[in-house]
Structure formats: C-alpha cells, structure tokens
Amino acid sequence: MMNLIIAEHDNVSIRSATFNAISAAEKIGGETHILIVGSEARAAAEQAALIQSVSRVLLAEAPFLESQLAENVAATVLTIAKGYSHILAPATASGKNVLPRVAVQLDVGQVSDITRVVTPDTFERPIYAGNAIATVQALDSVKVITVRATAFPAAQAEGGNAPIEILAAAPDTGLSRFVTRTATRLDRPELTGAEIVVSGGRGMGSEEKYKELLEPLADTLGAALGASRAAVDAGYAPNDFQVGQTGKIVAPKLYIAVGISGAIQHLAGMKDSKVIVAINKDPEAPIFGVADYGLVGDLFEVVPELQTCIAQV
C-alpha cells in the first residue's frame, strides 16, 4: 500500500492538521508520501522530510501555485494519483476543496471526515451531526479520504529523514484566479489546536458583551475563543470562531460553553472535548446533556466571578 498525504501549508511550514492526517495513514499501513504543492515552498518540504513516518516528500512548485487554488492543486495530484492506494488530506476547508475534485476525476467515491481506521479499506465516520457512526467500506482501487484531525494524534514532527523529490506541477488550469485574502491574526492559540477553548453563544447578547466577558477569561486561561453559529450569525464573533457542524471541529482538554443552548449542530463540533463546562441560565438547555460540569446562572454575573477566581489562583 502507498499513501499520499496532500499537505496543508503556507509555503513555509506545515499546518498542524496535516500531522493528524499522517497519523491516519500510519493506521492504514504501508509507505506514506507527502505532497507539497506551492511556490518557493522548499522550507515546508524540508519540515515534512523530518516527520518520522514520512518516507518521501514530493515538491511541486510554480509561481501560479503560491495561493494553492484548489483546481490547480487537484490537477497536480492527478498526475500521480493512480500510483497510490490511498490519497488523504485533513478535513479542513482546503482538504474539502481539493479532494472532491480529485475523486471525481478518478471516478471514485470519497470517504469524508473519517474518525477511525478499521482496516485499510474500512473506516468510521460520523453521520447525523455526530449522533451516529457509520462504518464505510471503500472498494475503489484508489481511496480518497478526508481525515477529522481531532480524531487522530499528531504524527511525530522529528526523527525522519525522507528524501525530497521534485515533481513537475500540472499547468495552470485557468479555472479560477486568486483575488485577495483577509487573514485574522490573533495573539491567542489557534482554535482547532488549542488545549482550552472558551465559546460564547446567542446568550451573550451583543458583540460588546462577547468581547467584554470572554476575552479576559480566554486571556487568563491561555485559551482560544470560539462561538456558536447563532453568535456568529448575530455578528458577535467572526466566522473563523464558529464551532460546530458547519464550522470548526475541536476537541480540547477543556471546553467552556457560555450562553450556548447546545443545538445538535454545535454539539457535533465540540462534544469530543475531554472536559466540558457549561454556563447557562436555562436548566433544560441541551448543552447540560453533554457537559461534565454545569452551572445554572446568569452568565453576566457568573463569568466575571469566574474570571476573578481564576485570576487569584
């Protein structure tokens, strides 16, 4: 078996979710190659070469690949795809954008968002917003898979010494063009990789209250900030903060849900957290059904008191 990992990177370093996808490939077995598609991305390739379980790094570079548009990345993947039994990528916005294009051109099915490798051709994945787990067997000669990063540990970043092979990039497809990118720069941990997440919901009442109450708490705990879809839709927090079925999937050591009712779509994105703390004034809120610790009370009183207690520890 030969596994190909489509790396997510910024042309300088490998993003964390790729390490989790590599761990999934380890469970499948066989050799694991990692593909870096970008521009002036040698530094990212050198980092990938150090990953313990990677046996070869393929580097495809071209100026038009700097922004890694999905159509062009997929075109390069397709030049080598039939040499692999499994093609994997993290189930991030990037992976979900690239791999369906690969699967359709190979005329194979895609197995999305896997959380467990049962055998090399059988996988588990959540369905119905995580309320059921489907066991899926893929009989295609090439298995195209996206990996839920929170379900697998990160591969060892050091200890490897894989050779770097230069791969010719496919020509520019001309199907899309890069216009602009707006990046959110934070002093806090990145949401999907944080050990502690503080999330706010519709109960926060306003963007001002969201910032006033949750930012100090997150800073004291060294936590990332998150939000429910209702809070994002109301403008309390940016889209990048959304946790849930249509947002980001997180599994931190500690998840604090403030003013979040616990709709099934939100629970799908955070219920695998190791410890869940819920603060809500409604004792019947569904969030208490998954919480390890629940506090029924007015969040506008409880959160400042909690912040004061933590700061004094």
Protein backbone atom coordinates (compact mmCIF):
# COMPACT_ATOMS: atom_id res chain seq x y z
CA MET A 1 0.00 0.00 0.00
CA MET A 2 1.08 3.53 -0.78
CA ASN A 3 -0.43 6.56 0.94
CA LEU A 4 -0.27 10.11 -0.40
CA ILE A 5 -0.89 12.97 2.01
CA ILE A 6 -1.85 16.34 0.49
CA ALA A 7 -0.09 18.72 2.87
CA GLU A 8 -1.71 21.90 4.08
CA HIS A 9 0.93 24.62 4.38
CA ASP A 10 1.71 28.30 3.90
CA ASN A 11 4.77 27.72 1.69
CA VAL A 12 6.95 27.98 4.81
CA SER A 13 5.65 25.48 7.36
CA ILE A 14 3.26 22.54 7.56
CA ARG A 15 -0.06 23.24 9.27
CA SER A 16 -0.96 21.14 12.27
CA ALA A 17 -3.90 19.22 10.77
CA THR A 18 -1.54 17.58 8.27
CA PHE A 19 0.26 15.81 11.12
CA ASN A 20 -3.06 14.25 12.18
CA ALA A 21 -3.74 13.06 8.63
CA ILE A 22 -0.31 11.42 8.62
CA SER A 23 -1.28 9.52 11.80
CA ALA A 24 -4.36 8.22 9.98
CA ALA A 25 -2.09 7.00 7.18
CA GLU A 26 0.05 5.19 9.77
CA LYS A 27 -3.07 3.27 10.83
CA ILE A 28 -3.68 2.26 7.22
CA GLY A 29 -0.14 0.94 6.88
CA GLY A 30 2.36 0.91 4.04
CA GLU A 31 4.55 3.75 2.84
CA THR A 32 3.50 7.35 3.31
CA HIS A 33 4.47 10.10 0.88
CA ILE A 34 3.62 13.75 1.42
CA LEU A 35 2.92 16.19 -1.42
CA ILE A 36 3.78 19.87 -1.11
CA VAL A 37 2.15 21.99 -3.82
CA GLY A 38 3.08 25.66 -3.69
CA SER A 39 5.57 28.34 -4.65
CA GLU A 40 9.02 28.73 -3.07
CA ALA A 41 7.91 26.05 -0.61
CA ARG A 42 11.26 24.35 -0.03
CA ALA A 43 11.14 25.20 3.68
CA ALA A 44 7.81 23.40 4.06
CA ALA A 45 9.21 20.38 2.21
CA GLU A 46 12.23 20.27 4.49
CA GLN A 47 9.97 20.31 7.54
CA ALA A 48 7.88 17.49 6.04
CA ALA A 49 11.03 15.43 5.45
CA LEU A 50 11.68 15.38 9.20
CA ILE A 51 8.30 13.83 10.07
CA GLN A 52 9.00 10.41 11.47
CA SER A 53 6.65 8.24 9.41
CA VAL A 54 7.07 10.01 6.05
CA SER A 55 9.19 8.02 3.58
CA ARG A 56 9.24 10.52 0.69
CA VAL A 57 8.39 14.18 0.10
CA LEU A 58 7.18 15.32 -3.31
CA LEU A 59 7.62 19.03 -4.03
CA ALA A 60 5.72 20.68 -6.89
CA GLU A 61 6.42 24.40 -7.31
CA ALA A 62 5.25 27.07 -9.71
CA PRO A 63 4.53 30.81 -9.33
CA PHE A 64 0.82 30.30 -10.04
CA LEU A 65 0.65 27.80 -7.14
CA GLU A 66 1.51 30.38 -4.48
CA SER A 67 -2.15 30.69 -3.45
CA GLN A 68 -2.78 26.94 -3.85
CA LEU A 69 -6.08 27.27 -5.68
CA ALA A 70 -7.98 24.01 -5.41
CA GLU A 71 -8.28 23.41 -9.16
CA ASN A 72 -4.52 23.68 -9.66
CA VAL A 73 -3.61 21.61 -6.60
CA ALA A 74 -6.02 18.88 -7.71
CA ALA A 75 -4.54 18.91 -11.22
CA THR A 76 -1.07 18.23 -9.83
CA VAL A 77 -2.37 15.50 -7.52
CA LEU A 78 -3.99 13.79 -10.51
CA THR A 79 -0.66 13.48 -12.32
CA ILE A 80 0.48 10.93 -9.71
CA ALA A 81 -2.79 9.76 -8.12
CA LYS A 82 -3.03 6.34 -9.76
CA GLY A 83 0.25 5.30 -8.21
CA TYR A 84 -1.29 5.35 -4.75
CA SER A 85 -3.80 3.17 -2.93
CA HIS A 86 -4.91 5.95 -0.56
CA ILE A 87 -4.96 9.74 -1.00
CA LEU A 88 -5.60 11.66 2.21
CA ALA A 89 -5.96 15.26 3.34
CA PRO A 90 -7.20 16.92 6.53
CA ALA A 91 -10.94 17.60 6.61
CA THR A 92 -10.32 21.34 6.62
CA ALA A 93 -11.59 23.96 4.18
CA SER A 94 -8.56 23.24 1.99
CA GLY A 95 -8.88 19.46 2.04
CA LYS A 96 -12.63 19.60 1.46
CA ASN A 97 -11.97 21.86 -1.52
CA VAL A 98 -9.26 19.78 -3.20
CA LEU A 99 -10.13 16.12 -2.69
CA PRO A 100 -13.64 16.07 -4.19
CA ARG A 101 -12.06 17.39 -7.40
CA VAL A 102 -9.55 14.55 -7.27
CA ALA A 103 -12.20 11.90 -6.55
CA VAL A 104 -14.49 12.92 -9.40
CA GLN A 105 -11.65 12.89 -11.94
CA LEU A 106 -10.59 9.43 -10.75
CA ASP A 107 -14.24 8.32 -10.89
CA VAL A 108 -14.12 7.02 -7.31
CA GLY A 109 -16.12 7.70 -4.19
CA GLN A 110 -14.76 9.86 -1.40
CA VAL A 111 -14.82 8.80 2.24
CA SER A 112 -15.21 12.03 4.18
CA ASP A 113 -14.27 13.05 7.71
CA ILE A 114 -13.04 9.69 8.97
CA THR A 115 -12.51 9.27 12.70
CA ARG A 116 -11.12 5.72 12.77
CA VAL A 117 -9.32 3.29 10.50
CA VAL A 118 -10.81 -0.19 10.93
CA THR A 119 -8.91 -1.88 8.08
CA PRO A 120 -7.14 -0.40 5.05
CA ASP A 121 -10.45 -0.29 3.17
CA THR A 122 -12.90 0.24 6.05
CA PHE A 123 -13.36 3.43 8.05
CA GLU A 124 -15.63 5.02 10.61
CA ARG A 125 -17.13 8.46 10.11
CA PRO A 126 -19.79 10.44 11.99
CA ILE A 127 -23.22 10.99 10.46
CA TYR A 128 -26.37 12.82 11.59
CA ALA A 129 -24.30 15.60 13.20
CA GLY A 130 -22.26 13.05 15.11
CA ASN A 131 -25.22 11.22 16.64
CA ALA A 132 -24.35 8.01 14.81
CA ILE A 133 -21.15 6.46 13.49
CA ALA A 134 -21.17 4.87 10.05
CA THR A 135 -18.74 2.11 9.12
CA VAL A 136 -17.88 2.56 5.45
CA GLN A 137 -16.03 0.13 3.19
CA ALA A 138 -14.37 1.62 0.10
CA LEU A 139 -13.84 -0.84 -2.74
CA ASP A 140 -12.29 1.59 -5.23
CA SER A 141 -8.72 0.95 -6.31
CA VAL A 142 -7.77 4.44 -5.11
CA LYS A 143 -9.35 5.52 -1.85
CA VAL A 144 -9.80 9.28 -1.45
CA ILE A 145 -10.18 10.25 2.20
CA THR A 146 -10.51 13.37 4.33
CA VAL A 147 -9.43 12.99 7.96
CA ARG A 148 -11.02 14.61 11.01
CA ALA A 149 -7.91 15.98 12.68
CA THR A 150 -9.26 15.83 16.23
CA ALA A 151 -9.79 12.06 15.96
CA PHE A 152 -6.11 11.21 15.45
CA PRO A 153 -2.98 12.23 17.39
CA ALA A 154 -0.36 14.32 15.63
CA ALA A 155 2.47 12.43 13.97
CA GLN A 156 5.96 12.90 15.39
CA ALA A 157 7.38 16.07 13.81
CA GLU A 158 11.01 14.94 14.15
CA GLY A 159 13.03 11.79 13.71
CA GLY A 160 12.56 11.28 9.99
CA ASN A 161 14.93 11.83 7.09
CA ALA A 162 12.84 11.45 3.95
CA PRO A 163 14.27 12.36 0.54
CA ILE A 164 12.75 15.34 -1.28
CA GLU A 165 11.81 14.66 -4.89
CA ILE A 166 10.97 17.47 -7.32
CA LEU A 167 7.68 16.88 -9.11
CA ALA A 168 6.59 18.76 -12.22
CA ALA A 169 3.48 20.80 -11.46
CA ALA A 170 0.49 20.46 -13.76
CA PRO A 171 -0.14 23.52 -15.95
CA ASP A 172 -2.37 26.30 -14.67
CA THR A 173 -5.96 25.21 -15.33
CA GLY A 174 -7.12 28.80 -15.68
CA LEU A 175 -10.41 27.87 -14.00
CA SER A 176 -10.03 30.30 -11.11
CA ARG A 177 -7.89 33.20 -10.04
CA PHE A 178 -6.73 34.49 -6.70
CA VAL A 179 -8.26 37.88 -5.82
CA THR A 180 -7.46 38.65 -2.20
CA ARG A 181 -7.07 37.07 1.22
CA THR A 182 -8.01 38.53 4.58
CA ALA A 183 -6.18 36.86 7.44
CA THR A 184 -7.26 37.01 11.06
CA ARG A 185 -4.20 37.46 13.26
CA LEU A 186 -4.59 36.53 16.90
CA ASP A 187 -2.41 36.60 19.98
CA ARG A 188 -4.35 33.61 21.30
CA PRO A 189 -3.96 29.94 20.31
CA GLU A 190 -5.45 28.78 17.02
CA LEU A 191 -8.94 27.38 17.61
CA THR A 192 -8.57 23.84 16.27
CA GLY A 193 -5.26 23.26 18.03
CA ALA A 194 -5.96 24.89 21.40
CA GLU A 195 -5.97 22.90 24.64
CA ILE A 196 -8.60 25.23 26.13
CA VAL A 197 -11.48 26.86 24.25
CA VAL A 198 -13.91 29.46 25.59
CA SER A 199 -17.02 29.76 23.42
CA GLY A 200 -19.94 32.14 23.54
CA GLY A 201 -23.45 31.76 22.20
CA ARG A 202 -26.55 33.80 21.50
CA GLY A 203 -26.92 34.35 25.23
CA MET A 204 -24.00 36.79 25.16
CA GLY A 205 -26.46 39.37 23.83
CA SER A 206 -24.07 41.52 21.81
CA GLU A 207 -20.60 41.73 20.32
CA GLU A 208 -19.61 44.15 23.06
CA LYS A 209 -20.59 41.72 25.82
CA TYR A 210 -18.90 38.84 24.00
CA LYS A 211 -15.61 40.75 23.99
CA GLU A 212 -16.04 42.25 27.45
CA LEU A 213 -16.74 38.94 29.19
CA LEU A 214 -14.97 36.26 27.18
CA GLU A 215 -11.73 37.88 26.03
CA PRO A 216 -10.38 38.43 29.60
CA LEU A 217 -11.38 34.88 30.55
CA ALA A 218 -9.67 33.43 27.47
CA ASP A 219 -6.54 35.50 28.10
CA THR A 220 -6.34 34.38 31.73
CA LEU A 221 -6.67 30.72 30.73
CA GLY A 222 -4.45 30.98 27.64
CA ALA A 223 -7.46 29.78 25.66
CA ALA A 224 -8.75 30.17 22.12
CA LEU A 225 -12.05 31.91 21.52
CA GLY A 226 -14.96 30.16 19.85
CA ALA A 227 -18.62 30.82 19.15
CA SER A 228 -21.83 29.08 18.21
CA ARG A 229 -23.31 29.62 14.76
CA ALA A 230 -26.08 31.73 16.30
CA ALA A 231 -23.49 34.06 17.83
CA VAL A 232 -21.59 34.30 14.54
CA ASP A 233 -24.78 34.94 12.55
CA ALA A 234 -25.70 37.68 15.02
CA GLY A 235 -22.32 39.35 14.47
CA TYR A 236 -20.96 38.74 17.96
CA ALA A 237 -17.86 36.91 16.64
CA PRO A 238 -16.13 36.41 13.26
CA ASN A 239 -16.77 33.36 11.07
CA ASP A 240 -13.34 31.93 11.95
CA PHE A 241 -14.56 31.43 15.52
CA GLN A 242 -17.53 29.21 14.65
CA VAL A 243 -17.54 25.77 16.26
CA GLY A 244 -19.95 23.15 15.00
CA GLN A 245 -21.11 21.04 12.10
CA THR A 246 -20.76 23.94 9.66
CA GLY A 247 -17.78 25.44 11.47
CA LYS A 248 -14.65 24.01 13.06
CA ILE A 249 -14.35 20.70 14.88
CA VAL A 250 -12.48 20.99 18.17
CA ALA A 251 -11.51 18.53 20.88
CA PRO A 252 -9.59 20.49 23.52
CA LYS A 253 -8.78 19.33 27.02
CA LEU A 254 -11.24 21.93 28.36
CA TYR A 255 -14.22 23.47 26.55
CA ILE A 256 -16.18 26.23 28.32
CA ALA A 257 -19.57 26.94 26.72
CA VAL A 258 -21.04 30.26 27.83
CA GLY A 259 -24.61 31.12 26.88
CA ILE A 260 -24.76 28.26 24.37
CA SER A 261 -28.00 26.28 24.35
CA GLY A 262 -26.40 23.20 22.78
CA ALA A 263 -28.07 22.76 19.40
CA ILE A 264 -27.16 19.46 17.77
CA GLN A 265 -25.10 21.26 15.11
CA HIS A 266 -22.91 22.87 17.78
CA LEU A 267 -22.51 19.67 19.78
CA ALA A 268 -21.21 17.94 16.65
CA GLY A 269 -18.21 20.27 16.71
CA MET A 270 -17.17 20.03 20.37
CA LYS A 271 -18.64 17.01 22.15
CA ASP A 272 -15.34 15.09 21.92
CA SER A 273 -13.70 17.65 24.23
CA LYS A 274 -12.12 15.97 27.25
CA VAL A 275 -13.91 18.16 29.83
CA ILE A 276 -16.94 20.33 29.01
CA VAL A 277 -18.12 23.12 31.29
CA ALA A 278 -21.47 24.75 30.52
CA ILE A 279 -22.82 28.04 31.87
CA ASN A 280 -26.45 28.76 31.02
CA LYS A 281 -29.46 30.22 32.79
CA ASP A 282 -31.79 27.56 31.35
CA PRO A 283 -31.52 24.33 33.39
CA GLU A 284 -33.14 22.44 30.49
CA ALA A 285 -30.57 23.58 27.91
CA PRO A 286 -29.32 20.59 25.84
CA ILE A 287 -25.71 21.61 26.48
CA PHE A 288 -26.04 20.21 30.02
CA GLY A 289 -26.63 16.78 28.49
CA VAL A 290 -23.01 16.58 27.31
CA ALA A 291 -21.38 18.76 29.97
CA ASP A 292 -19.14 17.26 32.64
CA TYR A 293 -19.80 20.31 34.82
CA GLY A 294 -22.80 22.61 34.53
CA LEU A 295 -23.57 25.91 36.20
CA VAL A 296 -27.10 27.29 36.01
CA GLY A 297 -26.97 31.04 36.39
CA ASP A 298 -26.82 34.46 34.79
CA LEU A 299 -23.66 34.48 32.67
CA PHE A 300 -23.29 38.24 33.14
CA GLU A 301 -22.76 37.58 36.86
CA VAL A 302 -21.12 34.16 36.71
CA VAL A 303 -18.39 34.87 34.14
CA PRO A 304 -16.91 37.93 35.94
CA GLU A 305 -16.89 35.94 39.20
CA LEU A 306 -15.21 33.00 37.45
CA GLN A 307 -12.66 35.34 35.90
CA THR A 308 -11.87 36.83 39.33
CA CYS A 309 -11.46 33.41 40.94
CA ILE A 310 -9.16 32.13 38.20
CA ALA A 311 -7.04 35.28 38.30
CA GLN A 312 -6.50 34.80 42.03
CA VAL A 313 -5.30 31.21 41.72
